[in-house]
Amino acid sequence: MTNRLIAWGSVEHMVHNAMDSLIESGRREQKDLWSRKEGFVEDDKGFHLSIAIPGFEKDNITVQIDPESRYLGLKAADDAGNTEAKHLIIVPRHADVSKNPKAVLKNGILTVSFEKDTSVAPRTIEVTVQ
């Protein structure tokens, strides 16, 4: 089963689109323009998301992050500016969305990276005796 990509919007809008997608996928075969195996991958430097988007050029891809909701929005358009695909994913809470985010397109693979946010790391609280 292929999922339709969810557009930007409210939670109600996203749920509505997801339900439409389930219904439509049963009626006809759809082509998934975005392909990702997993969510974000964490390493020592940060968090990385790789998505295959063959056939799109750098100038036709938009990557946006909402720092409050932590939603990462990806949109690809054809040469005429018509939206071909949209994707929405939540960025991990330990990713610093304000510090040097990067989006790199190489050989049809878009990789979005965020550094780790050390301010949200767990702290040890010293126990004292009174």
Protein backbone atom coordinates (compact mmCIF):
# COMPACT_ATOMS: atom_id res chain seq x y z
CA MET A 1 0.00 0.00 0.00
CA THR A 2 1.37 3.42 -0.95
CA ASN A 3 0.59 6.42 1.24
CA ARG A 4 -0.38 9.82 -0.14
CA LEU A 5 1.83 12.58 1.20
CA ILE A 6 0.28 14.85 3.81
CA ALA A 7 0.01 18.58 3.07
CA TRP A 8 0.82 21.45 5.43
CA GLY A 9 -2.00 22.48 7.73
CA SER A 10 -3.79 21.85 10.96
CA VAL A 11 -3.94 18.47 12.68
CA GLU A 12 -7.55 18.09 11.52
CA HIS A 13 -6.44 18.79 7.96
CA MET A 14 -3.64 16.21 8.22
CA VAL A 15 -6.00 13.56 9.62
CA HIS A 16 -8.54 14.32 6.88
CA ASN A 17 -5.85 13.98 4.21
CA ALA A 18 -4.59 10.72 5.73
CA MET A 19 -8.11 9.26 5.67
CA ASP A 20 -8.56 10.40 2.06
CA SER A 21 -5.27 8.72 1.25
CA LEU A 22 -6.37 5.42 2.72
CA ILE A 23 -9.61 5.51 0.76
CA GLU A 24 -7.95 6.54 -2.50
CA SER A 25 -5.18 3.95 -2.22
CA GLY A 26 -7.82 1.26 -2.33
CA ARG A 27 -9.34 2.73 -5.50
CA ARG A 28 -6.24 3.24 -7.59
CA GLU A 29 -2.50 2.73 -7.48
CA GLN A 30 -0.53 5.80 -6.45
CA LYS A 31 3.10 6.65 -6.97
CA ASP A 32 4.99 7.67 -3.85
CA LEU A 33 7.36 10.44 -4.94
CA TRP A 34 9.20 10.47 -1.61
CA SER A 35 10.87 7.38 -0.30
CA ARG A 36 12.38 7.08 3.15
CA LYS A 37 13.30 3.97 5.05
CA GLU A 38 13.26 5.37 8.56
CA GLY A 39 12.85 8.62 10.45
CA PHE A 40 15.74 10.67 11.71
CA VAL A 41 19.03 8.90 12.39
CA GLU A 42 21.13 10.12 15.33
CA ASP A 43 24.93 10.16 15.43
CA ASP A 44 27.54 12.02 17.52
CA LYS A 45 27.09 15.22 15.49
CA GLY A 46 23.30 15.41 15.27
CA PHE A 47 20.16 14.13 13.57
CA HIS A 48 19.84 13.34 9.87
CA LEU A 49 16.89 12.47 7.62
CA SER A 50 17.53 11.12 4.12
CA ILE A 51 14.76 11.00 1.54
CA ALA A 52 14.98 9.82 -2.07
CA ILE A 53 13.47 12.42 -4.41
CA PRO A 54 14.58 11.45 -7.91
CA GLY A 55 13.92 13.84 -10.76
CA PHE A 56 13.78 17.08 -8.75
CA GLU A 57 16.32 19.89 -8.96
CA LYS A 58 17.56 21.95 -6.00
CA ASP A 59 15.58 25.02 -7.08
CA ASN A 60 12.33 23.02 -7.08
CA ILE A 61 12.62 21.80 -3.47
CA THR A 62 11.51 23.76 -0.42
CA VAL A 63 12.48 22.76 3.13
CA GLN A 64 10.88 24.60 6.06
CA ILE A 65 10.95 24.13 9.82
CA ASP A 66 8.49 25.48 12.36
CA PRO A 67 10.57 25.89 15.54
CA GLU A 68 7.53 25.85 17.84
CA SER A 69 5.74 22.76 16.53
CA ARG A 70 9.02 21.15 15.36
CA TYR A 71 7.38 20.15 12.08
CA LEU A 72 9.74 19.83 9.14
CA GLY A 73 7.97 20.42 5.84
CA LEU A 74 9.36 19.27 2.52
CA LYS A 75 7.82 20.27 -0.80
CA ALA A 76 8.87 19.53 -4.37
CA ALA A 77 7.45 21.19 -7.47
CA ASP A 78 7.78 20.65 -11.19
CA ASP A 79 9.42 23.24 -13.46
CA ALA A 80 6.09 25.07 -13.86
CA GLY A 81 5.82 25.49 -10.08
CA ASN A 82 3.03 22.94 -9.61
CA THR A 83 3.39 21.04 -6.33
CA GLU A 84 4.21 17.41 -7.01
CA ALA A 85 4.85 16.14 -3.48
CA LYS A 86 4.68 17.29 0.12
CA HIS A 87 5.90 15.62 3.27
CA LEU A 88 5.61 16.55 6.93
CA ILE A 89 7.65 15.00 9.75
CA ILE A 90 8.35 15.90 13.39
CA VAL A 91 11.96 16.74 14.23
CA PRO A 92 13.37 15.01 17.36
CA ARG A 93 13.24 17.22 20.47
CA HIS A 94 17.01 16.97 21.04
CA ALA A 95 17.70 18.46 17.59
CA ASP A 96 18.60 22.15 17.57
CA VAL A 97 16.34 23.56 14.84
CA SER A 98 17.79 27.08 15.16
CA LYS A 99 21.51 26.27 14.88
CA ASN A 100 22.94 25.60 11.41
CA PRO A 101 20.29 23.33 9.85
CA LYS A 102 21.43 21.87 6.53
CA ALA A 103 19.62 20.42 3.53
CA VAL A 104 21.83 18.76 0.90
CA LEU A 105 20.67 17.23 -2.40
CA LYS A 106 23.06 14.66 -3.86
CA ASN A 107 22.24 12.13 -6.58
CA GLY A 108 18.49 12.35 -5.94
CA ILE A 109 18.84 11.98 -2.15
CA LEU A 110 17.84 14.92 0.06
CA THR A 111 19.52 14.83 3.48
CA VAL A 112 18.31 17.24 6.15
CA SER A 113 20.56 17.60 9.21
CA PHE A 114 20.31 19.30 12.59
CA GLU A 115 22.94 19.63 15.30
CA LYS A 116 22.20 18.28 18.76
CA ASP A 117 20.69 20.68 21.28
CA THR A 118 22.75 20.29 24.43
CA SER A 119 20.47 22.59 26.44
CA VAL A 120 17.75 19.89 26.57
CA ALA A 121 20.10 17.15 27.72
CA PRO A 122 19.23 15.56 31.07
CA ARG A 123 20.86 17.23 34.07
CA THR A 124 21.95 15.63 37.29
CA ILE A 125 20.50 17.29 40.36
CA GLU A 126 22.59 17.03 43.46
CA VAL A 127 20.85 15.61 46.50
CA THR A 128 21.58 17.41 49.75
CA VAL A 129 20.86 16.48 53.35
CA GLN A 130 19.35 18.94 55.76
